[in-house]
Protein backbone atom coordinates (compact mmCIF):
# COMPACT_ATOMS: atom_id res chain seq x y z
CA UNK A 1 0.00 0.00 0.00
CA UNK A 2 3.00 2.37 0.32
CA UNK A 3 3.35 2.62 -3.46
CA UNK A 4 -0.34 2.14 -4.23
CA UNK A 5 -1.49 3.87 -7.42
CA UNK A 6 -5.06 5.16 -7.45
CA UNK A 7 -6.92 4.45 -10.70
CA UNK A 8 -9.46 6.94 -12.01
CA UNK A 9 -12.89 5.30 -12.32
CA UNK A 10 -12.19 2.73 -9.60
CA UNK A 11 -15.39 1.23 -8.13
CA UNK A 12 -16.15 0.57 -4.46
CA UNK A 13 -19.02 -1.46 -3.03
CA UNK A 14 -19.96 1.24 -0.53
CA UNK A 15 -18.86 4.48 1.11
CA UNK A 16 -17.47 2.50 4.04
CA UNK A 17 -15.24 0.48 1.74
CA UNK A 18 -13.84 3.65 0.18
CA UNK A 19 -13.09 5.14 3.59
CA UNK A 20 -11.39 1.92 4.71
CA UNK A 21 -9.24 1.97 1.55
CA UNK A 22 -8.22 5.57 2.24
CA UNK A 23 -7.39 4.71 5.86
CA UNK A 24 -5.24 1.76 4.81
CA UNK A 25 -3.45 3.95 2.27
CA UNK A 26 -2.86 6.66 4.90
CA UNK A 27 -1.45 4.26 7.49
CA UNK A 28 0.87 2.49 5.04
CA UNK A 29 2.10 5.64 3.28
CA UNK A 30 2.33 7.84 6.38
CA UNK A 31 0.39 10.73 4.78
CA UNK A 32 -2.12 12.68 6.80
CA UNK A 33 -5.34 12.97 4.80
CA UNK A 34 -8.77 14.17 5.84
CA UNK A 35 -12.35 13.89 4.56
CA UNK A 36 -13.97 17.22 3.67
CA UNK A 37 -17.29 16.37 2.00
CA UNK A 38 -18.88 13.74 4.20
CA UNK A 39 -21.80 15.46 5.96
CA UNK A 40 -25.52 14.59 6.01
CA UNK A 41 -26.36 17.00 3.20
CA UNK A 42 -23.75 15.56 0.87
CA UNK A 43 -23.85 11.89 1.75
CA UNK A 44 -23.50 10.90 -1.91
CA UNK A 45 -19.99 12.33 -2.34
CA UNK A 46 -16.72 12.34 -0.43
CA UNK A 47 -13.66 14.51 -1.00
CA UNK A 48 -10.28 13.70 0.50
CA UNK A 49 -7.39 16.17 0.70
CA UNK A 50 -3.97 16.28 2.35
CA UNK A 51 -3.85 18.00 5.74
CA UNK A 52 -0.32 19.30 5.14
CA UNK A 53 -1.36 21.38 2.13
CA UNK A 54 0.10 19.33 -0.74
CA UNK A 55 -1.92 18.98 -4.00
CA UNK A 56 -3.03 15.36 -3.37
CA UNK A 57 -6.82 15.10 -3.74
CA UNK A 58 -9.44 12.39 -4.32
CA UNK A 59 -13.15 12.73 -5.06
CA UNK A 60 -15.55 9.80 -4.83
CA UNK A 61 -19.29 9.87 -5.57
CA UNK A 62 -22.20 7.45 -5.47
CA UNK A 63 -23.22 5.93 -8.81
CA UNK A 64 -26.83 6.90 -9.68
CA UNK A 65 -29.40 4.12 -9.17
CA UNK A 66 -26.72 1.81 -7.71
CA UNK A 67 -25.24 1.07 -4.31
CA UNK A 68 -21.64 1.29 -5.55
CA UNK A 69 -19.32 4.30 -5.46
CA UNK A 70 -16.82 5.45 -8.10
CA UNK A 71 -13.61 7.45 -7.92
CA UNK A 72 -14.34 10.50 -10.09
CA UNK A 73 -11.20 12.58 -9.52
CA UNK A 74 -7.68 11.78 -8.31
CA UNK A 75 -4.41 13.72 -8.19
CA UNK A 76 -1.97 11.18 -6.80
CA UNK A 77 1.15 13.23 -6.05
CA UNK A 78 2.50 14.22 -2.65
CA UNK A 79 4.91 17.07 -1.94
CA UNK A 80 4.72 16.65 1.85
CA UNK A 81 6.90 14.52 4.09
CA UNK A 82 5.93 11.38 5.96
CA UNK A 83 4.17 11.84 9.31
CA UNK A 84 4.50 9.37 12.19
CA UNK A 85 1.25 10.49 13.87
CA UNK A 86 -1.55 9.52 11.48
CA UNK A 87 -4.92 10.93 12.54
CA UNK A 88 -7.02 8.45 10.53
CA UNK A 89 -5.42 5.52 12.36
CA UNK A 90 -8.23 4.58 14.76
CA UNK A 91 -8.61 1.84 17.34
CA UNK A 92 -11.41 0.25 15.28
CA UNK A 93 -9.23 0.00 12.17
CA UNK A 94 -6.35 -1.37 14.23
CA UNK A 95 -8.58 -3.96 15.89
CA UNK A 96 -9.44 -5.38 12.45
CA UNK A 97 -5.74 -5.96 11.85
CA UNK A 98 -5.28 -7.59 15.25
CA UNK A 99 -7.98 -10.26 14.94
CA UNK A 100 -5.67 -12.95 13.58
CA UNK A 101 -2.99 -12.21 16.18
CA UNK A 102 -5.54 -12.29 19.00
CA UNK A 103 -6.81 -15.70 17.85
CA UNK A 104 -3.27 -17.08 17.92
CA UNK A 105 -2.30 -15.33 21.17
CA UNK A 106 -5.24 -14.11 23.32
CA UNK A 107 -2.77 -12.73 25.90
CA UNK A 108 -1.12 -10.29 23.49
CA UNK A 109 0.53 -7.48 25.47
CA UNK A 110 0.07 -3.77 24.86
CA UNK A 111 3.77 -3.14 24.33
CA UNK A 112 3.92 -5.90 21.73
CA UNK A 113 1.06 -4.28 19.80
CA UNK A 114 2.71 -0.86 19.89
CA UNK A 115 6.04 -2.29 18.75
CA UNK A 116 4.30 -4.15 15.91
CA UNK A 117 2.57 -0.96 14.72
CA UNK A 118 5.87 0.92 14.88
CA UNK A 119 7.71 -1.80 13.00
CA UNK A 120 5.07 -2.55 10.35
CA UNK A 121 3.63 0.90 9.59
CA UNK A 122 6.26 3.19 11.13
CA UNK A 123 3.50 4.91 13.11
CA UNK A 124 3.17 5.93 16.74
CA UNK A 125 0.00 5.21 18.75
CA UNK A 126 -0.96 6.00 22.31
CA UNK A 127 -1.36 3.45 25.07
CA UNK A 128 -5.08 4.27 25.34
CA UNK A 129 -5.67 3.56 21.63
CA UNK A 130 -3.75 0.30 21.95
CA UNK A 131 -5.91 -0.73 24.89
CA UNK A 132 -9.14 0.05 23.01
CA UNK A 133 -7.99 -1.79 19.87
CA UNK A 134 -7.07 -4.89 21.88
CA UNK A 135 -10.42 -4.75 23.67
CA UNK A 136 -12.35 -4.60 20.37
CA UNK A 137 -10.30 -7.42 18.82
CA UNK A 138 -10.64 -9.55 21.96
CA UNK A 139 -14.42 -9.12 22.07
CA UNK A 140 -14.65 -10.09 18.38
CA UNK A 141 -12.50 -13.19 18.86
CA UNK A 142 -14.42 -14.25 21.98
CA UNK A 143 -17.72 -13.75 20.17
CA UNK A 144 -16.59 -15.75 17.14
CA UNK A 145 -15.49 -18.66 19.34
CA UNK A 146 -18.79 -18.61 21.21
CA UNK A 147 -20.75 -18.71 17.96
CA UNK A 148 -18.68 -21.69 16.79
CA UNK A 149 -19.29 -23.61 20.01
CA UNK A 150 -23.01 -22.95 19.67
CA UNK A 151 -22.95 -24.91 16.41
CA UNK A 152 -20.97 -27.87 17.71
CA UNK A 153 -23.97 -30.18 17.22
CA UNK A 154 -24.42 -28.99 13.63
CA UNK A 155 -20.75 -29.75 13.01
CA UNK A 156 -21.13 -33.23 14.55
CA UNK A 157 -24.17 -34.09 12.43
CA UNK A 158 -22.40 -32.89 9.29
CA UNK A 159 -19.40 -35.13 10.05
CA UNK A 160 -21.71 -38.14 10.47
CA UNK A 161 -23.66 -37.27 7.30
CA UNK A 162 -20.56 -36.86 5.14
CA UNK A 163 -18.71 -39.82 6.74
CA UNK A 164 -21.25 -42.62 7.36
CA UNK A 165 -20.13 -45.13 9.95
CA UNK A 166 -17.94 -42.64 11.80
CA UNK A 167 -18.17 -41.98 15.53
CA UNK A 168 -18.68 -38.49 16.91
CA UNK A 169 -19.38 -37.97 20.61
CA UNK A 170 -20.02 -34.63 22.34
CA UNK A 171 -20.10 -34.33 26.12
CA UNK A 172 -21.48 -31.22 27.84
CA UNK A 173 -22.01 -30.03 31.40
CA UNK A 174 -25.63 -29.25 32.17
CA UNK A 175 -26.42 -26.69 34.86
CA UNK A 176 -29.82 -25.34 35.81
CA UNK A 177 -30.27 -21.57 35.87
CA UNK A 178 -33.20 -19.82 37.54
CA UNK A 179 -34.76 -16.71 35.99
CA UNK A 180 -36.90 -14.61 38.32
CA UNK A 181 -39.88 -12.72 36.90
CA UNK A 182 -39.55 -9.29 38.47
CA UNK A 183 -42.87 -7.69 39.46
CA UNK A 184 -44.89 -10.91 39.24
CA UNK A 185 -45.84 -13.34 41.98
CA UNK A 186 -44.62 -16.21 39.86
CA UNK A 187 -41.77 -18.52 40.67
CA UNK A 188 -38.70 -18.17 38.53
CA UNK A 189 -38.47 -20.32 35.42
CA UNK A 190 -35.65 -22.82 35.15
CA UNK A 191 -33.63 -23.48 32.05
CA UNK A 192 -30.67 -25.76 31.39
CA UNK A 193 -27.34 -24.20 30.47
CA UNK A 194 -25.08 -26.48 28.46
CA UNK A 195 -21.32 -25.94 28.53
CA UNK A 196 -19.00 -27.76 26.13
CA UNK A 197 -16.65 -30.20 27.85
CA UNK A 198 -15.37 -32.88 25.46
CA UNK A 199 -15.61 -34.07 21.86
CA UNK A 200 -14.46 -37.39 20.36
CA UNK A 201 -14.05 -38.07 16.62
CA UNK A 202 -13.14 -41.34 14.89
CA UNK A 203 -13.65 -41.63 11.12
CA UNK A 204 -14.78 -44.92 9.60
CA UNK A 205 -11.96 -44.97 7.05
CA UNK A 206 -9.34 -44.71 9.79
CA UNK A 207 -10.96 -47.49 11.84
CA UNK A 208 -10.99 -49.85 8.85
CA UNK A 209 -7.41 -48.96 7.95
CA UNK A 210 -6.13 -49.72 11.43
CA UNK A 211 -7.66 -53.21 11.39
CA UNK A 212 -5.35 -54.01 8.46
CA UNK A 213 -2.25 -52.56 10.13
CA UNK A 214 0.15 -53.56 12.89
CA UNK A 215 -1.41 -53.93 16.32
CA UNK A 216 0.43 -50.97 17.83
CA UNK A 217 -1.28 -47.92 19.28
CA UNK A 218 0.51 -44.80 20.46
CA UNK A 219 -1.21 -42.36 22.80
CA UNK A 220 -0.33 -38.73 23.39
CA UNK A 221 -1.83 -35.42 24.48
CA UNK A 222 -0.90 -31.81 23.83
CA UNK A 223 -2.14 -28.34 24.76
CA UNK A 224 -4.47 -26.30 22.55
CA UNK A 225 -3.34 -22.70 22.15
CA UNK A 226 -6.81 -21.33 21.41
CA UNK A 227 -8.87 -18.78 23.26
CA UNK A 228 -10.45 -21.31 25.62
CA UNK A 229 -7.46 -23.63 25.90
CA UNK A 230 -8.02 -27.31 26.61
CA UNK A 231 -6.06 -30.33 25.39
CA UNK A 232 -6.23 -32.75 22.50
CA UNK A 233 -5.82 -36.51 23.00
CA UNK A 234 -4.82 -38.64 20.04
CA UNK A 235 -4.37 -42.33 19.20
CA UNK A 236 -1.84 -43.13 16.45
CA UNK A 237 -1.16 -46.45 14.71
CA UNK A 238 1.47 -47.80 12.27
CA UNK A 239 0.65 -48.67 8.67
CA UNK A 240 2.44 -51.38 6.56
CA UNK A 241 4.98 -48.75 5.42
CA UNK A 242 5.83 -48.02 9.07
CA UNK A 243 4.27 -44.58 8.77
CA UNK A 244 1.97 -42.90 11.28
CA UNK A 245 -1.76 -43.59 10.89
CA UNK A 246 -4.15 -41.42 12.93
CA UNK A 247 -6.95 -43.49 14.46
CA UNK A 248 -9.01 -41.00 16.48
CA UNK A 249 -8.69 -37.83 18.52
CA UNK A 250 -10.59 -35.93 21.18
CA UNK A 251 -10.74 -32.41 22.58
CA UNK A 252 -10.99 -32.42 26.38
CA UNK A 253 -10.90 -29.86 29.17
CA UNK A 254 -7.66 -31.26 30.68
CA UNK A 255 -5.41 -34.31 30.56
CA UNK A 256 -6.74 -36.19 33.60
CA UNK A 257 -7.39 -39.82 34.53
CA UNK A 258 -11.11 -39.35 33.90
CA UNK A 259 -10.62 -37.83 30.44
CA UNK A 260 -8.17 -40.58 29.42
CA UNK A 261 -10.55 -43.31 30.60
CA UNK A 262 -13.41 -41.69 28.67
CA UNK A 263 -11.23 -41.47 25.55
CA UNK A 264 -9.90 -45.05 25.79
CA UNK A 265 -13.33 -46.59 26.38
CA UNK A 266 -14.59 -44.96 23.17
CA UNK A 267 -11.45 -46.05 21.30
CA UNK A 268 -11.83 -49.68 22.44
CA UNK A 269 -15.49 -49.66 21.46
CA UNK A 270 -14.71 -48.35 17.98
CA UNK A 271 -12.02 -51.00 17.40
CA UNK A 272 -14.36 -53.90 18.23
CA UNK A 273 -14.61 -54.07 22.02
CA UNK A 274 -12.47 -55.60 24.76
CA UNK A 275 -12.43 -59.03 23.04
CA UNK A 276 -10.48 -57.59 20.11
């Protein structure tokens, strides 16, 4: 984006997309731009100029009878110097760039974020902006994980539908919650809250493959570096070429005696029972 060349007649899906493109260009190039025509009376056109007085200018307007916007005028030449304090760099824009990092490392520190911004975009941000950006990114990541866990049963049924004969087990903790009706002489209603605890997956193809392989099973567990943590337990076999053959795996809350017994009982059942 530092050497990005604006094309006259370029289309954008919406006004928001155009403003995001300008913000990305500003942050990467280090030029301080500002929007001049973006009020309620002139919502169908936006004009962008340089705050330092150089001749750079862009004019974007809404296409008649369409939802898209088009770049109508552009003078892409700067005579100003680079600025380390970019005003269009907001905490919301920064949070969008931090989503992937927050998924990989939910405990990302403020100093690490500030150093990354300084190193990647050569820009300086305040500690307050860094804190707000991390808060927005963290809430997005937490919300996305919650939505995925809500659909764990849909995922399980899809695995069984697309892999007939496979085994998928989901274990949850059920707790009763009481909701009081304020202002009424009615006892509170009770509803069951389900919290994900464990999930076991063994595909039919892997089960059938192991029955034709050497009777060796390796067991191991490792930590999950996601937002909610947990551990993964896995059973590995050996194929005729002496290569690793995954048999099954499970996601559990922790590597305990109870979780291993639960995992091994399901594994034994899938392989034919205790007699086998």
